[in-house]
């Protein structure tokens, strides 16, 4: 029997559980990143969860336990403090799935919900950024219809952070609303 995954908007009381999911999910990168960079990245993860700039925090639950999360921001200014990127449509950040819940489709459901919410806001695109070290995430994004948005690439130290964009209107037309 498959486990039922519930996607919902997070409440303030969920922030600590979201932070735990993020740290569990992203811990694997602490082994490949230089320690000072990892510590800075870890701080930015926690600041995003506990800050007030996300438009919405989306979570996935299985048996009332939070196993996944994603943050949706309104622009590059609110997501990264970088208005110069010129992104004025939703940005999906910090998609995370607990290692114990990987392979169940949690990430896909979180992305679909972010796309649905973006459409409800009147947006025509959904953006995100990732780096090459997150190769399985990149494969998922491409499978769901995201295309590289080179003009939104940015550098984080020596790391290229790649921009991706989903055309929400094409996605809705081509798959009857299911990215």
C-alpha atoms as a PDB file:
ATOM      1  CA  UNK A   1       0.000   0.000   0.000  1.00  0.00           C
ATOM      2  CA  UNK A   2       1.408   3.411  -0.922  1.00  0.00           C
ATOM      3  CA  UNK A   3       1.656   6.154   1.648  1.00  0.00           C
ATOM      4  CA  UNK A   4      -0.657   9.141   1.290  1.00  0.00           C
ATOM      5  CA  UNK A   5       1.257  12.374   0.771  1.00  0.00           C
ATOM      6  CA  UNK A   6      -0.537  15.545   1.826  1.00  0.00           C
ATOM      7  CA  UNK A   7       0.646  18.877   0.402  1.00  0.00           C
ATOM      8  CA  UNK A   8      -0.369  21.978   2.321  1.00  0.00           C
ATOM      9  CA  UNK A   9       0.680  25.477   3.206  1.00  0.00           C
ATOM     10  CA  UNK A  10       2.883  25.548   6.291  1.00  0.00           C
ATOM     11  CA  UNK A  11       1.881  27.290   9.479  1.00  0.00           C
ATOM     12  CA  UNK A  12       4.299  29.265  11.636  1.00  0.00           C
ATOM     13  CA  UNK A  13       4.468  26.355  14.080  1.00  0.00           C
ATOM     14  CA  UNK A  14       5.905  24.190  11.249  1.00  0.00           C
ATOM     15  CA  UNK A  15       9.076  26.253  10.796  1.00  0.00           C
ATOM     16  CA  UNK A  16      11.300  24.127  13.056  1.00  0.00           C
ATOM     17  CA  UNK A  17      10.165  20.934  11.317  1.00  0.00           C
ATOM     18  CA  UNK A  18      10.856  22.567   7.936  1.00  0.00           C
ATOM     19  CA  UNK A  19      14.339  23.547   9.125  1.00  0.00           C
ATOM     20  CA  UNK A  20      14.986  19.945  10.197  1.00  0.00           C
ATOM     21  CA  UNK A  21      13.864  18.588   6.803  1.00  0.00           C
ATOM     22  CA  UNK A  22      16.082  21.119   5.026  1.00  0.00           C
ATOM     23  CA  UNK A  23      19.148  20.306   7.105  1.00  0.00           C
ATOM     24  CA  UNK A  24      18.572  16.542   6.761  1.00  0.00           C
ATOM     25  CA  UNK A  25      18.074  16.831   3.006  1.00  0.00           C
ATOM     26  CA  UNK A  26      20.977  19.193   2.360  1.00  0.00           C
ATOM     27  CA  UNK A  27      23.443  17.599   4.806  1.00  0.00           C
ATOM     28  CA  UNK A  28      24.936  15.498   1.994  1.00  0.00           C
ATOM     29  CA  UNK A  29      26.415  18.692   0.521  1.00  0.00           C
ATOM     30  CA  UNK A  30      28.360  19.413   3.717  1.00  0.00           C
ATOM     31  CA  UNK A  31      30.662  16.576   2.688  1.00  0.00           C
ATOM     32  CA  UNK A  32      31.543  18.114  -0.693  1.00  0.00           C
ATOM     33  CA  UNK A  33      31.506  21.819   0.115  1.00  0.00           C
ATOM     34  CA  UNK A  34      34.396  23.539   1.893  1.00  0.00           C
ATOM     35  CA  UNK A  35      33.394  23.944   5.546  1.00  0.00           C
ATOM     36  CA  UNK A  36      33.183  27.763   5.564  1.00  0.00           C
ATOM     37  CA  UNK A  37      30.959  27.689   2.461  1.00  0.00           C
ATOM     38  CA  UNK A  38      28.765  24.950   3.974  1.00  0.00           C
ATOM     39  CA  UNK A  39      28.346  26.909   7.219  1.00  0.00           C
ATOM     40  CA  UNK A  40      27.346  30.013   5.254  1.00  0.00           C
ATOM     41  CA  UNK A  41      24.927  27.952   3.134  1.00  0.00           C
ATOM     42  CA  UNK A  42      23.464  26.319   6.257  1.00  0.00           C
ATOM     43  CA  UNK A  43      22.886  29.758   7.788  1.00  0.00           C
ATOM     44  CA  UNK A  44      21.147  30.972   4.608  1.00  0.00           C
ATOM     45  CA  UNK A  45      18.885  27.869   4.657  1.00  0.00           C
ATOM     46  CA  UNK A  46      17.809  28.592   8.212  1.00  0.00           C
ATOM     47  CA  UNK A  47      17.446  32.335   7.587  1.00  0.00           C
ATOM     48  CA  UNK A  48      15.100  31.617   4.668  1.00  0.00           C
ATOM     49  CA  UNK A  49      12.921  29.284   6.739  1.00  0.00           C
ATOM     50  CA  UNK A  50      12.712  31.601   9.728  1.00  0.00           C
ATOM     51  CA  UNK A  51      12.558  34.858   7.773  1.00  0.00           C
ATOM     52  CA  UNK A  52       9.441  36.542   6.514  1.00  0.00           C
ATOM     53  CA  UNK A  53      10.311  36.963   2.830  1.00  0.00           C
ATOM     54  CA  UNK A  54       8.772  33.756   1.405  1.00  0.00           C
ATOM     55  CA  UNK A  55       5.424  34.293  -0.253  1.00  0.00           C
ATOM     56  CA  UNK A  56       4.413  30.834   0.913  1.00  0.00           C
ATOM     57  CA  UNK A  57       5.974  27.822   2.582  1.00  0.00           C
ATOM     58  CA  UNK A  58       4.699  24.542   1.130  1.00  0.00           C
ATOM     59  CA  UNK A  59       5.089  21.279   2.992  1.00  0.00           C
ATOM     60  CA  UNK A  60       4.534  17.596   2.344  1.00  0.00           C
ATOM     61  CA  UNK A  61       3.335  15.304   5.091  1.00  0.00           C
ATOM     62  CA  UNK A  62       3.116  11.557   5.454  1.00  0.00           C
ATOM     63  CA  UNK A  63       1.290  10.304   8.543  1.00  0.00           C
ATOM     64  CA  UNK A  64       1.243  13.883   9.916  1.00  0.00           C
ATOM     65  CA  UNK A  65       5.055  14.063   9.747  1.00  0.00           C
ATOM     66  CA  UNK A  66       6.644  16.764   7.587  1.00  0.00           C
ATOM     67  CA  UNK A  67       8.846  15.015   5.008  1.00  0.00           C
ATOM     68  CA  UNK A  68       9.274  17.733   2.384  1.00  0.00           C
ATOM     69  CA  UNK A  69       9.186  21.449   1.910  1.00  0.00           C
ATOM     70  CA  UNK A  70       9.610  24.218  -0.611  1.00  0.00           C
ATOM     71  CA  UNK A  71       9.593  27.989  -0.356  1.00  0.00           C
ATOM     72  CA  UNK A  72       7.990  30.233  -2.955  1.00  0.00           C
ATOM     73  CA  UNK A  73       9.234  33.817  -3.311  1.00  0.00           C
ATOM     74  CA  UNK A  74       7.719  36.622  -5.376  1.00  0.00           C
ATOM     75  CA  UNK A  75      10.902  37.853  -7.111  1.00  0.00           C
ATOM     76  CA  UNK A  76      14.693  37.690  -7.263  1.00  0.00           C
ATOM     77  CA  UNK A  77      14.767  40.573  -4.816  1.00  0.00           C
ATOM     78  CA  UNK A  78      12.809  38.705  -2.132  1.00  0.00           C
ATOM     79  CA  UNK A  79      14.417  35.319  -2.890  1.00  0.00           C
ATOM     80  CA  UNK A  80      18.053  36.408  -3.022  1.00  0.00           C
ATOM     81  CA  UNK A  81      18.205  40.138  -2.372  1.00  0.00           C
ATOM     82  CA  UNK A  82      19.174  40.499  -6.047  1.00  0.00           C
ATOM     83  CA  UNK A  83      16.771  42.784  -7.910  1.00  0.00           C
ATOM     84  CA  UNK A  84      19.369  43.046 -10.684  1.00  0.00           C
ATOM     85  CA  UNK A  85      18.471  39.498 -11.801  1.00  0.00           C
ATOM     86  CA  UNK A  86      15.208  40.996 -13.012  1.00  0.00           C
ATOM     87  CA  UNK A  87      12.963  38.080 -12.061  1.00  0.00           C
ATOM     88  CA  UNK A  88       9.522  39.438 -11.215  1.00  0.00           C
ATOM     89  CA  UNK A  89       7.665  36.147 -11.104  1.00  0.00           C
ATOM     90  CA  UNK A  90       7.649  33.364  -8.516  1.00  0.00           C
ATOM     91  CA  UNK A  91      10.889  31.633  -7.591  1.00  0.00           C
ATOM     92  CA  UNK A  92      10.930  28.178  -6.023  1.00  0.00           C
ATOM     93  CA  UNK A  93      13.715  27.798  -3.474  1.00  0.00           C
ATOM     94  CA  UNK A  94      15.000  25.240  -1.050  1.00  0.00           C
ATOM     95  CA  UNK A  95      13.053  22.252  -2.282  1.00  0.00           C
ATOM     96  CA  UNK A  96      13.864  19.529   0.218  1.00  0.00           C
ATOM     97  CA  UNK A  97      12.754  15.963   0.837  1.00  0.00           C
ATOM     98  CA  UNK A  98      13.787  13.928   3.862  1.00  0.00           C
ATOM     99  CA  UNK A  99      16.144  11.121   2.837  1.00  0.00           C
ATOM    100  CA  UNK A 100      13.630   8.608   4.234  1.00  0.00           C
ATOM    101  CA  UNK A 101      10.896   9.889   1.881  1.00  0.00           C
ATOM    102  CA  UNK A 102      12.904  10.113  -1.338  1.00  0.00           C
ATOM    103  CA  UNK A 103      11.583   8.229  -4.326  1.00  0.00           C
ATOM    104  CA  UNK A 104       7.940   8.610  -3.283  1.00  0.00           C
ATOM    105  CA  UNK A 105       7.163  11.557  -5.580  1.00  0.00           C
ATOM    106  CA  UNK A 106       7.233  14.183  -2.823  1.00  0.00           C
ATOM    107  CA  UNK A 107       9.416  16.640  -4.775  1.00  0.00           C
ATOM    108  CA  UNK A 108       7.189  16.390  -7.855  1.00  0.00           C
ATOM    109  CA  UNK A 109       4.080  17.108  -5.773  1.00  0.00           C
ATOM    110  CA  UNK A 110       5.742  20.117  -4.125  1.00  0.00           C
ATOM    111  CA  UNK A 111       6.790  21.511  -7.520  1.00  0.00           C
ATOM    112  CA  UNK A 112       3.310  20.962  -8.964  1.00  0.00           C
ATOM    113  CA  UNK A 113       1.788  22.800  -6.032  1.00  0.00           C
ATOM    114  CA  UNK A 114       4.236  25.696  -6.464  1.00  0.00           C
ATOM    115  CA  UNK A 115       3.313  25.857 -10.169  1.00  0.00           C
ATOM    116  CA  UNK A 116      -0.409  25.830  -9.339  1.00  0.00           C
ATOM    117  CA  UNK A 117       0.024  28.607  -6.787  1.00  0.00           C
ATOM    118  CA  UNK A 118       2.110  30.632  -9.262  1.00  0.00           C
ATOM    119  CA  UNK A 119      -0.663  30.377 -11.859  1.00  0.00           C
ATOM    120  CA  UNK A 120      -3.219  31.475  -9.259  1.00  0.00           C
ATOM    121  CA  UNK A 121      -1.062  34.563  -8.651  1.00  0.00           C
ATOM    122  CA  UNK A 122      -1.292  35.367 -12.365  1.00  0.00           C
ATOM    123  CA  UNK A 123       2.296  34.381 -13.146  1.00  0.00           C
ATOM    124  CA  UNK A 124       3.270  32.879 -16.485  1.00  0.00           C
ATOM    125  CA  UNK A 125       6.611  31.472 -15.302  1.00  0.00           C
ATOM    126  CA  UNK A 126       8.107  29.707 -12.310  1.00  0.00           C
ATOM    127  CA  UNK A 127      11.848  30.111 -11.755  1.00  0.00           C
ATOM    128  CA  UNK A 128      14.409  28.273  -9.679  1.00  0.00           C
ATOM    129  CA  UNK A 129      18.172  28.048  -9.234  1.00  0.00           C
ATOM    130  CA  UNK A 130      20.415  25.096  -8.541  1.00  0.00           C
ATOM    131  CA  UNK A 131      24.009  24.001  -8.953  1.00  0.00           C
ATOM    132  CA  UNK A 132      25.623  21.053 -10.710  1.00  0.00           C
ATOM    133  CA  UNK A 133      26.190  19.243  -7.409  1.00  0.00           C
ATOM    134  CA  UNK A 134      22.397  18.766  -7.285  1.00  0.00           C
ATOM    135  CA  UNK A 135      22.320  16.601 -10.408  1.00  0.00           C
ATOM    136  CA  UNK A 136      19.290  14.502  -9.438  1.00  0.00           C
ATOM    137  CA  UNK A 137      17.305  17.694  -8.838  1.00  0.00           C
ATOM    138  CA  UNK A 138      18.330  19.038 -12.252  1.00  0.00           C
ATOM    139  CA  UNK A 139      17.083  15.828 -13.903  1.00  0.00           C
ATOM    140  CA  UNK A 140      13.753  16.183 -12.108  1.00  0.00           C
ATOM    141  CA  UNK A 141      13.368  19.831 -13.126  1.00  0.00           C
ATOM    142  CA  UNK A 142      14.100  19.014 -16.758  1.00  0.00           C
ATOM    143  CA  UNK A 143      11.679  16.075 -16.700  1.00  0.00           C
ATOM    144  CA  UNK A 144       8.975  18.434 -15.406  1.00  0.00           C
ATOM    145  CA  UNK A 145       9.560  20.904 -18.250  1.00  0.00           C
ATOM    146  CA  UNK A 146      11.953  23.453 -16.767  1.00  0.00           C
ATOM    147  CA  UNK A 147      14.421  24.919 -19.252  1.00  0.00           C
ATOM    148  CA  UNK A 148      17.714  26.627 -18.596  1.00  0.00           C
ATOM    149  CA  UNK A 149      17.369  30.383 -18.145  1.00  0.00           C
ATOM    150  CA  UNK A 150      21.006  31.359 -18.679  1.00  0.00           C
ATOM    151  CA  UNK A 151      20.304  35.060 -18.229  1.00  0.00           C
ATOM    152  CA  UNK A 152      19.394  34.385 -14.588  1.00  0.00           C
ATOM    153  CA  UNK A 153      22.569  32.453 -13.720  1.00  0.00           C
ATOM    154  CA  UNK A 154      24.549  33.793 -10.805  1.00  0.00           C
ATOM    155  CA  UNK A 155      27.794  33.067  -9.038  1.00  0.00           C
ATOM    156  CA  UNK A 156      28.018  32.092  -5.382  1.00  0.00           C
ATOM    157  CA  UNK A 157      31.741  32.357  -4.745  1.00  0.00           C
ATOM    158  CA  UNK A 158      33.263  30.003  -7.313  1.00  0.00           C
ATOM    159  CA  UNK A 159      30.027  28.074  -7.827  1.00  0.00           C
ATOM    160  CA  UNK A 160      27.812  28.667 -10.849  1.00  0.00           C
ATOM    161  CA  UNK A 161      24.192  28.696  -9.716  1.00  0.00           C
ATOM    162  CA  UNK A 162      22.121  27.813 -12.769  1.00  0.00           C
ATOM    163  CA  UNK A 163      18.788  29.434 -13.515  1.00  0.00           C
ATOM    164  CA  UNK A 164      15.833  27.371 -14.733  1.00  0.00           C
ATOM    165  CA  UNK A 165      12.370  28.486 -15.797  1.00  0.00           C
ATOM    166  CA  UNK A 166       9.077  26.710 -16.373  1.00  0.00           C
ATOM    167  CA  UNK A 167       6.646  28.292 -18.830  1.00  0.00           C
ATOM    168  CA  UNK A 168       3.468  27.712 -16.873  1.00  0.00           C
ATOM    169  CA  UNK A 169       1.105  28.375 -19.772  1.00  0.00           C
ATOM    170  CA  UNK A 170       2.846  25.861 -22.067  1.00  0.00           C
ATOM    171  CA  UNK A 171       2.950  23.373 -19.250  1.00  0.00           C
ATOM    172  CA  UNK A 172      -0.789  23.688 -18.603  1.00  0.00           C
ATOM    173  CA  UNK A 173      -1.672  23.407 -22.307  1.00  0.00           C
ATOM    174  CA  UNK A 174       0.595  20.431 -22.953  1.00  0.00           C
ATOM    175  CA  UNK A 175      -0.331  18.361 -19.923  1.00  0.00           C
ATOM    176  CA  UNK A 176      -3.821  19.500 -18.913  1.00  0.00           C
ATOM    177  CA  UNK A 177      -2.462  21.203 -15.815  1.00  0.00           C
ATOM    178  CA  UNK A 178      -0.026  18.551 -14.680  1.00  0.00           C
ATOM    179  CA  UNK A 179       3.642  19.432 -15.009  1.00  0.00           C
END
